[in-house]
PDB file of all heavy atoms in Angstrom:
ATOM      1  N   GLY A   1       5.548   7.951  -5.730  1.00  0.00           N
ATOM      2  CA  GLY A   1       4.654   6.861  -5.968  1.00  0.00           C
ATOM      3  C   GLY A   1       5.209   5.542  -5.366  1.00  0.00           C
ATOM      4  O   GLY A   1       6.234   5.597  -4.739  1.00  0.00           O
ATOM      5  N   GLY A   2       4.472   4.509  -5.507  1.00  0.00           N
ATOM      6  CA  GLY A   2       4.888   3.255  -5.001  1.00  0.00           C
ATOM      7  C   GLY A   2       3.936   2.162  -5.518  1.00  0.00           C
ATOM      8  O   GLY A   2       3.130   2.423  -6.376  1.00  0.00           O
ATOM      9  N   MET A   3       4.176   0.898  -5.096  1.00  0.00           N
ATOM     10  CA  MET A   3       3.380  -0.184  -5.597  1.00  0.00           C
ATOM     11  C   MET A   3       3.165  -1.222  -4.568  1.00  0.00           C
ATOM     12  O   MET A   3       4.054  -1.493  -3.752  1.00  0.00           O
ATOM     13  CB  MET A   3       3.986  -0.865  -6.865  1.00  0.00           C
ATOM     14  CG  MET A   3       5.271  -1.620  -6.573  1.00  0.00           C
ATOM     15  SD  MET A   3       6.680  -1.151  -7.667  1.00  0.00           S
ATOM     16  CE  MET A   3       7.097   0.490  -7.151  1.00  0.00           C
ATOM     17  N   LEU A   4       1.954  -1.757  -4.492  1.00  0.00           N
ATOM     18  CA  LEU A   4       1.596  -2.770  -3.543  1.00  0.00           C
ATOM     19  C   LEU A   4       2.202  -4.146  -4.036  1.00  0.00           C
ATOM     20  O   LEU A   4       1.923  -4.534  -5.207  1.00  0.00           O
ATOM     21  CB  LEU A   4       0.075  -2.868  -3.431  1.00  0.00           C
ATOM     22  CG  LEU A   4      -0.491  -3.724  -2.310  1.00  0.00           C
ATOM     23  CD1 LEU A   4      -0.171  -3.099  -0.934  1.00  0.00           C
ATOM     24  CD2 LEU A   4      -1.959  -3.934  -2.446  1.00  0.00           C
ATOM     25  N   ILE A   5       2.898  -4.833  -3.178  1.00  0.00           N
ATOM     26  CA  ILE A   5       3.531  -6.135  -3.658  1.00  0.00           C
ATOM     27  C   ILE A   5       2.857  -7.307  -2.862  1.00  0.00           C
ATOM     28  O   ILE A   5       3.056  -8.443  -3.251  1.00  0.00           O
ATOM     29  CB  ILE A   5       5.061  -6.123  -3.452  1.00  0.00           C
ATOM     30  CG1 ILE A   5       5.414  -5.982  -2.021  1.00  0.00           C
ATOM     31  CG2 ILE A   5       5.675  -5.168  -4.393  1.00  0.00           C
ATOM     32  CD1 ILE A   5       6.923  -6.185  -1.734  1.00  0.00           C
ATOM     33  N   ASN A   6       2.114  -7.024  -1.820  1.00  0.00           N
ATOM     34  CA  ASN A   6       1.331  -8.030  -1.131  1.00  0.00           C
ATOM     35  C   ASN A   6       0.348  -7.264  -0.189  1.00  0.00           C
ATOM     36  O   ASN A   6       0.199  -6.089  -0.422  1.00  0.00           O
ATOM     37  CB  ASN A   6       2.248  -8.971  -0.249  1.00  0.00           C
ATOM     38  CG  ASN A   6       3.253  -8.127   0.619  1.00  0.00           C
ATOM     39  OD1 ASN A   6       2.865  -7.256   1.339  1.00  0.00           O
ATOM     40  ND2 ASN A   6       4.527  -8.486   0.526  1.00  0.00           N
ATOM     41  N   ASP A   7      -0.255  -7.921   0.739  1.00  0.00           N
ATOM     42  CA  ASP A   7      -1.282  -7.217   1.509  1.00  0.00           C
ATOM     43  C   ASP A   7      -0.775  -6.324   2.611  1.00  0.00           C
ATOM     44  O   ASP A   7      -1.558  -5.692   3.302  1.00  0.00           O
ATOM     45  CB  ASP A   7      -2.273  -8.322   2.186  1.00  0.00           C
ATOM     46  CG  ASP A   7      -1.598  -9.163   3.199  1.00  0.00           C
ATOM     47  OD1 ASP A   7      -0.348  -9.198   3.239  1.00  0.00           O
ATOM     48  OD2 ASP A   7      -2.366  -9.680   4.036  1.00  0.00           O
ATOM     49  N   ARG A   8       0.566  -6.238   2.746  1.00  0.00           N
ATOM     50  CA  ARG A   8       1.064  -5.469   3.907  1.00  0.00           C
ATOM     51  C   ARG A   8       2.240  -4.607   3.521  1.00  0.00           C
ATOM     52  O   ARG A   8       2.568  -3.722   4.297  1.00  0.00           O
ATOM     53  CB  ARG A   8       1.557  -6.554   4.928  1.00  0.00           C
ATOM     54  CG  ARG A   8       1.984  -5.993   6.258  1.00  0.00           C
ATOM     55  CD  ARG A   8       1.692  -6.919   7.376  1.00  0.00           C
ATOM     56  NE  ARG A   8       0.951  -6.232   8.445  1.00  0.00           N
ATOM     57  CZ  ARG A   8       0.383  -6.800   9.467  1.00  0.00           C
ATOM     58  NH1 ARG A   8       0.326  -8.166   9.516  1.00  0.00           N
ATOM     59  NH2 ARG A   8      -0.269  -6.166  10.355  1.00  0.00           N
ATOM     60  N   TYR A   9       2.787  -4.709   2.367  1.00  0.00           N
ATOM     61  CA  TYR A   9       3.991  -3.951   2.047  1.00  0.00           C
ATOM     62  C   TYR A   9       3.840  -3.191   0.706  1.00  0.00           C
ATOM     63  O   TYR A   9       3.330  -3.775  -0.262  1.00  0.00           O
ATOM     64  CB  TYR A   9       5.216  -4.828   1.944  1.00  0.00           C
ATOM     65  CG  TYR A   9       5.770  -5.340   3.319  1.00  0.00           C
ATOM     66  CD1 TYR A   9       5.132  -6.430   3.858  1.00  0.00           C
ATOM     67  CD2 TYR A   9       6.653  -4.618   3.998  1.00  0.00           C
ATOM     68  CE1 TYR A   9       5.599  -6.899   5.114  1.00  0.00           C
ATOM     69  CE2 TYR A   9       7.079  -5.079   5.263  1.00  0.00           C
ATOM     70  CZ  TYR A   9       6.530  -6.218   5.827  1.00  0.00           C
ATOM     71  OH  TYR A   9       6.981  -6.670   7.065  1.00  0.00           O
ATOM     72  N   VAL A  10       4.378  -1.966   0.713  1.00  0.00           N
ATOM     73  CA  VAL A  10       4.501  -1.186  -0.487  1.00  0.00           C
ATOM     74  C   VAL A  10       5.963  -1.083  -0.830  1.00  0.00           C
ATOM     75  O   VAL A  10       6.810  -0.857   0.125  1.00  0.00           O
ATOM     76  CB  VAL A  10       3.923   0.199  -0.306  1.00  0.00           C
ATOM     77  CG1 VAL A  10       4.337   1.147  -1.368  1.00  0.00           C
ATOM     78  CG2 VAL A  10       2.329   0.064  -0.270  1.00  0.00           C
ATOM     79  N   MET A  11       6.313  -1.116  -2.066  1.00  0.00           N
ATOM     80  CA  MET A  11       7.660  -0.932  -2.472  1.00  0.00           C
ATOM     81  C   MET A  11       7.788   0.449  -3.126  1.00  0.00           C
ATOM     82  O   MET A  11       6.895   0.792  -3.905  1.00  0.00           O
ATOM     83  CB  MET A  11       8.180  -2.079  -3.448  1.00  0.00           C
ATOM     84  CG  MET A  11       9.600  -1.999  -3.829  1.00  0.00           C
ATOM     85  SD  MET A  11      10.236  -3.619  -4.489  1.00  0.00           S
ATOM     86  CE  MET A  11       9.255  -3.783  -5.982  1.00  0.00           C
ATOM     87  N   THR A  12       8.895   1.126  -2.844  1.00  0.00           N
ATOM     88  CA  THR A  12       9.097   2.410  -3.450  1.00  0.00           C
ATOM     89  C   THR A  12      10.635   2.639  -3.552  1.00  0.00           C
ATOM     90  O   THR A  12      11.410   1.760  -3.304  1.00  0.00           O
ATOM     91  CB  THR A  12       8.478   3.506  -2.540  1.00  0.00           C
ATOM     92  OG1 THR A  12       8.504   4.742  -3.253  1.00  0.00           O
ATOM     93  CG2 THR A  12       9.125   3.662  -1.242  1.00  0.00           C
ATOM     94  N   ALA A  13      11.051   3.851  -3.918  1.00  0.00           N
ATOM     95  CA  ALA A  13      12.433   4.215  -3.985  1.00  0.00           C
ATOM     96  C   ALA A  13      12.920   4.642  -2.608  1.00  0.00           C
ATOM     97  O   ALA A  13      12.183   5.289  -1.824  1.00  0.00           O
ATOM     98  CB  ALA A  13      12.621   5.365  -4.992  1.00  0.00           C
ATOM     99  N   ALA A  14      14.127   4.227  -2.283  1.00  0.00           N
ATOM    100  CA  ALA A  14      14.733   4.655  -0.984  1.00  0.00           C
ATOM    101  C   ALA A  14      14.843   6.128  -0.849  1.00  0.00           C
ATOM    102  O   ALA A  14      14.695   6.687   0.287  1.00  0.00           O
ATOM    103  CB  ALA A  14      16.071   3.985  -0.871  1.00  0.00           C
ATOM    104  N   HIS A  15      15.104   6.857  -2.039  1.00  0.00           N
ATOM    105  CA  HIS A  15      15.263   8.329  -1.835  1.00  0.00           C
ATOM    106  C   HIS A  15      13.904   8.952  -1.540  1.00  0.00           C
ATOM    107  O   HIS A  15      13.880  10.188  -1.135  1.00  0.00           O
ATOM    108  CB  HIS A  15      15.899   8.956  -3.080  1.00  0.00           C
ATOM    109  CG  HIS A  15      14.970   9.100  -4.226  1.00  0.00           C
ATOM    110  ND1 HIS A  15      14.981   8.212  -5.305  1.00  0.00           N
ATOM    111  CD2 HIS A  15      14.073  10.030  -4.570  1.00  0.00           C
ATOM    112  CE1 HIS A  15      14.154   8.636  -6.215  1.00  0.00           C
ATOM    113  NE2 HIS A  15      13.567   9.688  -5.748  1.00  0.00           N
ATOM    114  N   CYS A  16      12.829   8.263  -1.653  1.00  0.00           N
ATOM    115  CA  CYS A  16      11.483   8.793  -1.289  1.00  0.00           C
ATOM    116  C   CYS A  16      11.260   8.754   0.201  1.00  0.00           C
ATOM    117  O   CYS A  16      10.353   9.403   0.719  1.00  0.00           O
ATOM    118  CB  CYS A  16      10.346   7.979  -1.989  1.00  0.00           C
ATOM    119  SG  CYS A  16      10.242   8.423  -3.777  1.00  0.00           S
ATOM    120  N   VAL A  17      12.083   7.984   0.983  1.00  0.00           N
ATOM    121  CA  VAL A  17      11.837   7.820   2.398  1.00  0.00           C
ATOM    122  C   VAL A  17      13.057   8.080   3.219  1.00  0.00           C
ATOM    123  O   VAL A  17      12.905   8.236   4.371  1.00  0.00           O
ATOM    124  CB  VAL A  17      11.327   6.427   2.638  1.00  0.00           C
ATOM    125  CG1 VAL A  17       9.865   6.276   2.092  1.00  0.00           C
ATOM    126  CG2 VAL A  17      12.205   5.354   2.122  1.00  0.00           C
ATOM    127  N   LYS A  18      14.252   8.209   2.593  1.00  0.00           N
ATOM    128  CA  LYS A  18      15.492   8.371   3.415  1.00  0.00           C
ATOM    129  C   LYS A  18      15.377   9.696   4.159  1.00  0.00           C
ATOM    130  O   LYS A  18      15.268  10.735   3.504  1.00  0.00           O
ATOM    131  CB  LYS A  18      16.672   8.272   2.524  1.00  0.00           C
ATOM    132  CG  LYS A  18      18.025   8.510   3.308  1.00  0.00           C
ATOM    133  CD  LYS A  18      19.241   8.512   2.462  1.00  0.00           C
ATOM    134  CE  LYS A  18      20.466   8.937   3.219  1.00  0.00           C
ATOM    135  NZ  LYS A  18      20.713   8.037   4.416  1.00  0.00           N
ATOM    136  N   GLY A  19      15.505   9.639   5.434  1.00  0.00           N
ATOM    137  CA  GLY A  19      15.564  10.881   6.341  1.00  0.00           C
ATOM    138  C   GLY A  19      14.130  11.362   6.541  1.00  0.00           C
ATOM    139  O   GLY A  19      14.024  12.381   7.359  1.00  0.00           O
ATOM    140  N   PHE A  20      13.068  10.900   5.932  1.00  0.00           N
ATOM    141  CA  PHE A  20      11.797  11.416   6.169  1.00  0.00           C
ATOM    142  C   PHE A  20      11.287  10.993   7.543  1.00  0.00           C
ATOM    143  O   PHE A  20      11.686   9.877   8.050  1.00  0.00           O
ATOM    144  CB  PHE A  20      10.795  10.950   5.094  1.00  0.00           C
ATOM    145  CG  PHE A  20      10.881  11.687   3.821  1.00  0.00           C
ATOM    146  CD1 PHE A  20      11.992  11.566   3.002  1.00  0.00           C
ATOM    147  CD2 PHE A  20       9.803  12.522   3.404  1.00  0.00           C
ATOM    148  CE1 PHE A  20      12.048  12.257   1.768  1.00  0.00           C
ATOM    149  CE2 PHE A  20       9.881  13.153   2.216  1.00  0.00           C
ATOM    150  CZ  PHE A  20      10.982  13.062   1.417  1.00  0.00           C
ATOM    151  N   MET A  21      10.354  11.676   8.125  1.00  0.00           N
ATOM    152  CA  MET A  21       9.669  11.215   9.345  1.00  0.00           C
ATOM    153  C   MET A  21       8.628  10.267   8.825  1.00  0.00           C
ATOM    154  O   MET A  21       7.543  10.622   8.348  1.00  0.00           O
ATOM    155  CB  MET A  21       9.041  12.461  10.056  1.00  0.00           C
ATOM    156  CG  MET A  21      10.025  13.399  10.674  1.00  0.00           C
ATOM    157  SD  MET A  21       9.289  14.748  11.738  1.00  0.00           S
ATOM    158  CE  MET A  21       8.572  15.728  10.502  1.00  0.00           C
ATOM    159  N   TRP A  22       8.907   8.987   8.950  1.00  0.00           N
ATOM    160  CA  TRP A  22       8.106   7.928   8.308  1.00  0.00           C
ATOM    161  C   TRP A  22       6.678   7.931   8.811  1.00  0.00           C
ATOM    162  O   TRP A  22       5.740   7.540   8.084  1.00  0.00           O
ATOM    163  CB  TRP A  22       8.739   6.512   8.585  1.00  0.00           C
ATOM    164  CG  TRP A  22       9.056   6.314  10.062  1.00  0.00           C
ATOM    165  CD1 TRP A  22      10.234   6.558  10.685  1.00  0.00           C
ATOM    166  CD2 TRP A  22       8.176   5.734  11.020  1.00  0.00           C
ATOM    167  NE1 TRP A  22      10.174   6.179  12.003  1.00  0.00           N
ATOM    168  CE2 TRP A  22       8.888   5.712  12.209  1.00  0.00           C
ATOM    169  CE3 TRP A  22       6.859   5.324  10.990  1.00  0.00           C
ATOM    170  CZ2 TRP A  22       8.342   5.240  13.420  1.00  0.00           C
ATOM    171  CZ3 TRP A  22       6.318   4.804  12.189  1.00  0.00           C
ATOM    172  CH2 TRP A  22       7.059   4.777  13.354  1.00  0.00           C
ATOM    173  N   PHE A  23       6.438   8.400  10.050  1.00  0.00           N
ATOM    174  CA  PHE A  23       5.083   8.362  10.553  1.00  0.00           C
ATOM    175  C   PHE A  23       4.231   9.508   9.997  1.00  0.00           C
ATOM    176  O   PHE A  23       3.048   9.541  10.220  1.00  0.00           O
ATOM    177  CB  PHE A  23       5.086   8.522  12.144  1.00  0.00           C
ATOM    178  CG  PHE A  23       5.922   9.626  12.569  1.00  0.00           C
ATOM    179  CD1 PHE A  23       5.415  10.961  12.684  1.00  0.00           C
ATOM    180  CD2 PHE A  23       7.308   9.445  13.011  1.00  0.00           C
ATOM    181  CE1 PHE A  23       6.163  12.022  13.100  1.00  0.00           C
ATOM    182  CE2 PHE A  23       8.050  10.533  13.469  1.00  0.00           C
ATOM    183  CZ  PHE A  23       7.489  11.805  13.510  1.00  0.00           C
ATOM    184  N   MET A  24       4.822  10.394   9.177  1.00  0.00           N
ATOM    185  CA  MET A  24       4.032  11.421   8.479  1.00  0.00           C
ATOM    186  C   MET A  24       3.769  11.069   7.099  1.00  0.00           C
ATOM    187  O   MET A  24       3.165  11.882   6.277  1.00  0.00           O
ATOM    188  CB  MET A  24       4.827  12.738   8.536  1.00  0.00           C
ATOM    189  CG  MET A  24       5.042  13.365   9.891  1.00  0.00           C
ATOM    190  SD  MET A  24       3.440  13.707  10.687  1.00  0.00           S
ATOM    191  CE  MET A  24       2.771  14.907   9.588  1.00  0.00           C
ATOM    192  N   ILE A  25       4.168   9.847   6.583  1.00  0.00           N
ATOM    193  CA  ILE A  25       3.864   9.401   5.252  1.00  0.00           C
ATOM    194  C   ILE A  25       2.557   8.712   5.212  1.00  0.00           C
ATOM    195  O   ILE A  25       2.312   7.745   5.999  1.00  0.00           O
ATOM    196  CB  ILE A  25       4.983   8.432   4.762  1.00  0.00           C
ATOM    197  CG1 ILE A  25       6.319   9.198   4.701  1.00  0.00           C
ATOM    198  CG2 ILE A  25       4.601   7.910   3.362  1.00  0.00           C
ATOM    199  CD1 ILE A  25       7.481   8.285   4.382  1.00  0.00           C
ATOM    200  N   LYS A  26       1.620   9.137   4.356  1.00  0.00           N
ATOM    201  CA  LYS A  26       0.368   8.543   4.167  1.00  0.00           C
ATOM    202  C   LYS A  26       0.281   7.852   2.824  1.00  0.00           C
ATOM    203  O   LYS A  26       0.756   8.474   1.808  1.00  0.00           O
ATOM    204  CB  LYS A  26      -0.817   9.573   4.316  1.00  0.00           C
ATOM    205  CG  LYS A  26      -2.163   8.915   4.123  1.00  0.00           C
ATOM    206  CD  LYS A  26      -3.291   9.870   4.516  1.00  0.00           C
ATOM    207  CE  LYS A  26      -3.422  10.931   3.357  1.00  0.00           C
ATOM    208  NZ  LYS A  26      -4.591  11.820   3.520  1.00  0.00           N
ATOM    209  N   VAL A  27      -0.232   6.629   2.727  1.00  0.00           N
ATOM    210  CA  VAL A  27      -0.207   5.888   1.509  1.00  0.00           C
ATOM    211  C   VAL A  27      -1.703   5.649   1.105  1.00  0.00           C
ATOM    212  O   VAL A  27      -2.501   5.250   1.922  1.00  0.00           O
ATOM    213  CB  VAL A  27       0.499   4.487   1.641  1.00  0.00           C
ATOM    214  CG1 VAL A  27       0.573   3.812   0.250  1.00  0.00           C
ATOM    215  CG2 VAL A  27       1.865   4.685   2.168  1.00  0.00           C
ATOM    216  N   THR A  28      -1.994   5.958  -0.166  1.00  0.00           N
ATOM    217  CA  THR A  28      -3.352   5.709  -0.619  1.00  0.00           C
ATOM    218  C   THR A  28      -3.427   4.717  -1.723  1.00  0.00           C
ATOM    219  O   THR A  28      -2.470   4.654  -2.601  1.00  0.00           O
ATOM    220  CB  THR A  28      -4.134   6.999  -1.053  1.00  0.00           C
ATOM    221  OG1 THR A  28      -3.295   7.639  -2.096  1.00  0.00           O
ATOM    222  CG2 THR A  28      -4.155   7.977   0.138  1.00  0.00           C
ATOM    223  N   PHE A  29      -4.473   3.934  -1.842  1.00  0.00           N
ATOM    224  CA  PHE A  29      -4.618   2.935  -2.909  1.00  0.00           C
ATOM    225  C   PHE A  29      -5.967   3.171  -3.628  1.00  0.00           C
ATOM    226  O   PHE A  29      -6.921   3.721  -3.079  1.00  0.00           O
ATOM    227  CB  PHE A  29      -4.600   1.534  -2.304  1.00  0.00           C
ATOM    228  CG  PHE A  29      -3.406   1.192  -1.410  1.00  0.00           C
ATOM    229  CD1 PHE A  29      -3.369   1.412  -0.078  1.00  0.00           C
ATOM    230  CD2 PHE A  29      -2.210   0.745  -2.051  1.00  0.00           C
ATOM    231  CE1 PHE A  29      -2.219   1.202   0.687  1.00  0.00           C
ATOM    232  CE2 PHE A  29      -1.117   0.483  -1.273  1.00  0.00           C
ATOM    233  CZ  PHE A  29      -1.097   0.725   0.069  1.00  0.00           C
ATOM    234  N   GLY A  30      -6.008   2.608  -4.807  1.00  0.00           N
ATOM    235  CA  GLY A  30      -7.277   2.617  -5.578  1.00  0.00           C
ATOM    236  C   GLY A  30      -7.634   4.062  -5.997  1.00  0.00           C
ATOM    237  O   GLY A  30      -8.790   4.391  -6.228  1.00  0.00           O
ATOM    238  N   GLU A  31      -6.562   4.883  -6.259  1.00  0.00           N
ATOM    239  CA  GLU A  31      -6.792   6.262  -6.557  1.00  0.00           C
ATOM    240  C   GLU A  31      -6.477   6.538  -8.080  1.00  0.00           C
ATOM    241  O   GLU A  31      -5.488   5.972  -8.594  1.00  0.00           O
ATOM    242  CB  GLU A  31      -5.927   7.146  -5.721  1.00  0.00           C
ATOM    243  CG  GLU A  31      -6.354   8.632  -5.750  1.00  0.00           C
ATOM    244  CD  GLU A  31      -5.730   9.477  -4.588  1.00  0.00           C
ATOM    245  OE1 GLU A  31      -4.920   8.868  -3.844  1.00  0.00           O
ATOM    246  OE2 GLU A  31      -6.140  10.626  -4.422  1.00  0.00           O
ATOM    247  N   HIS A  32      -7.311   7.339  -8.687  1.00  0.00           N
ATOM    248  CA  HIS A  32      -7.007   7.652 -10.150  1.00  0.00           C
ATOM    249  C   HIS A  32      -6.805   9.174 -10.234  1.00  0.00           C
ATOM    250  O   HIS A  32      -5.765   9.616 -10.627  1.00  0.00           O
ATOM    251  CB  HIS A  32      -8.218   7.253 -10.948  1.00  0.00           C
ATOM    252  CG  HIS A  32      -8.065   7.617 -12.383  1.00  0.00           C
ATOM    253  ND1 HIS A  32      -7.065   7.125 -13.247  1.00  0.00           N
ATOM    254  CD2 HIS A  32      -8.727   8.533 -13.157  1.00  0.00           C
ATOM    255  CE1 HIS A  32      -7.202   7.703 -14.432  1.00  0.00           C
ATOM    256  NE2 HIS A  32      -8.201   8.516 -14.431  1.00  0.00           N
ATOM    257  N   ASN A  33      -7.879   9.906  -9.915  1.00  0.00           N
ATOM    258  CA  ASN A  33      -7.708  11.427  -9.959  1.00  0.00           C
ATOM    259  C   ASN A  33      -7.468  11.857  -8.533  1.00  0.00           C
ATOM    260  O   ASN A  33      -8.357  12.029  -7.732  1.00  0.00           O
ATOM    261  CB  ASN A  33      -9.032  12.005 -10.498  1.00  0.00           C
ATOM    262  CG  ASN A  33      -8.921  13.563 -10.664  1.00  0.00           C
ATOM    263  OD1 ASN A  33      -8.055  14.185 -10.168  1.00  0.00           O
ATOM    264  ND2 ASN A  33      -9.874  14.069 -11.411  1.00  0.00           N
ATOM    265  N   ARG A  34      -6.229  12.238  -8.310  1.00  0.00           N
ATOM    266  CA  ARG A  34      -5.892  12.617  -6.934  1.00  0.00           C
ATOM    267  C   ARG A  34      -6.431  14.038  -6.533  1.00  0.00           C
ATOM    268  O   ARG A  34      -6.339  14.398  -5.399  1.00  0.00           O
ATOM    269  CB  ARG A  34      -4.323  12.632  -6.760  1.00  0.00           C
ATOM    270  CG  ARG A  34      -3.563  13.610  -7.630  1.00  0.00           C
ATOM    271  CD  ARG A  34      -2.098  13.616  -7.448  1.00  0.00           C
ATOM    272  NE  ARG A  34      -1.527  14.717  -8.214  1.00  0.00           N
ATOM    273  CZ  ARG A  34      -1.480  15.949  -7.688  1.00  0.00           C
ATOM    274  NH1 ARG A  34      -1.910  16.266  -6.517  1.00  0.00           N
ATOM    275  NH2 ARG A  34      -1.016  16.871  -8.483  1.00  0.00           N
ATOM    276  N   CYS A  35      -6.895  14.784  -7.564  1.00  0.00           N
ATOM    277  CA  CYS A  35      -7.433  16.159  -7.281  1.00  0.00           C
ATOM    278  C   CYS A  35      -8.910  16.069  -7.014  1.00  0.00           C
ATOM    279  O   CYS A  35      -9.533  17.090  -6.677  1.00  0.00           O
ATOM    280  CB  CYS A  35      -7.221  17.049  -8.561  1.00  0.00           C
ATOM    281  SG  CYS A  35      -5.423  17.217  -8.985  1.00  0.00           S
ATOM    282  N   ASN A  36      -9.545  14.878  -7.125  1.00  0.00           N
ATOM    283  CA  ASN A  36     -10.937  14.709  -6.825  1.00  0.00           C
ATOM    284  C   ASN A  36     -11.141  14.480  -5.334  1.00  0.00           C
ATOM    285  O   ASN A  36     -10.912  13.392  -4.864  1.00  0.00           O
ATOM    286  CB  ASN A  36     -11.534  13.539  -7.626  1.00  0.00           C
ATOM    287  CG  ASN A  36     -13.025  13.454  -7.498  1.00  0.00           C
ATOM    288  OD1 ASN A  36     -13.654  14.079  -6.610  1.00  0.00           O
ATOM    289  ND2 ASN A  36     -13.691  12.657  -8.334  1.00  0.00           N
ATOM    290  N   THR A  37     -11.501  15.517  -4.569  1.00  0.00           N
ATOM    291  CA  THR A  37     -11.584  15.383  -3.100  1.00  0.00           C
ATOM    292  C   THR A  37     -12.841  14.699  -2.688  1.00  0.00           C
ATOM    293  O   THR A  37     -12.991  14.437  -1.496  1.00  0.00           O
ATOM    294  CB  THR A  37     -11.461  16.788  -2.532  1.00  0.00           C
ATOM    295  OG1 THR A  37     -12.507  17.625  -3.057  1.00  0.00           O
ATOM    296  CG2 THR A  37     -10.149  17.472  -2.772  1.00  0.00           C
ATOM    297  N   THR A  38     -13.758  14.466  -3.587  1.00  0.00           N
ATOM    298  CA  THR A  38     -15.035  13.815  -3.200  1.00  0.00           C
ATOM    299  C   THR A  38     -14.879  12.259  -3.044  1.00  0.00           C
ATOM    300  O   THR A  38     -15.697  11.623  -2.440  1.00  0.00           O
ATOM    301  CB  THR A  38     -16.139  14.073  -4.196  1.00  0.00           C
ATOM    302  OG1 THR A  38     -15.743  13.543  -5.474  1.00  0.00           O
ATOM    303  CG2 THR A  38     -16.416  15.610  -4.342  1.00  0.00           C
TER     304      THR A  38
END
């Protein structure tokens, strides 16, 4: 998870991104039921 702190940045834990291929991370907002594909 993460949280929006302004219009351009999300804050999260470093262990969620350390060593990850950052360009493969997708961030979504305004979501409640993540299983609802519609």
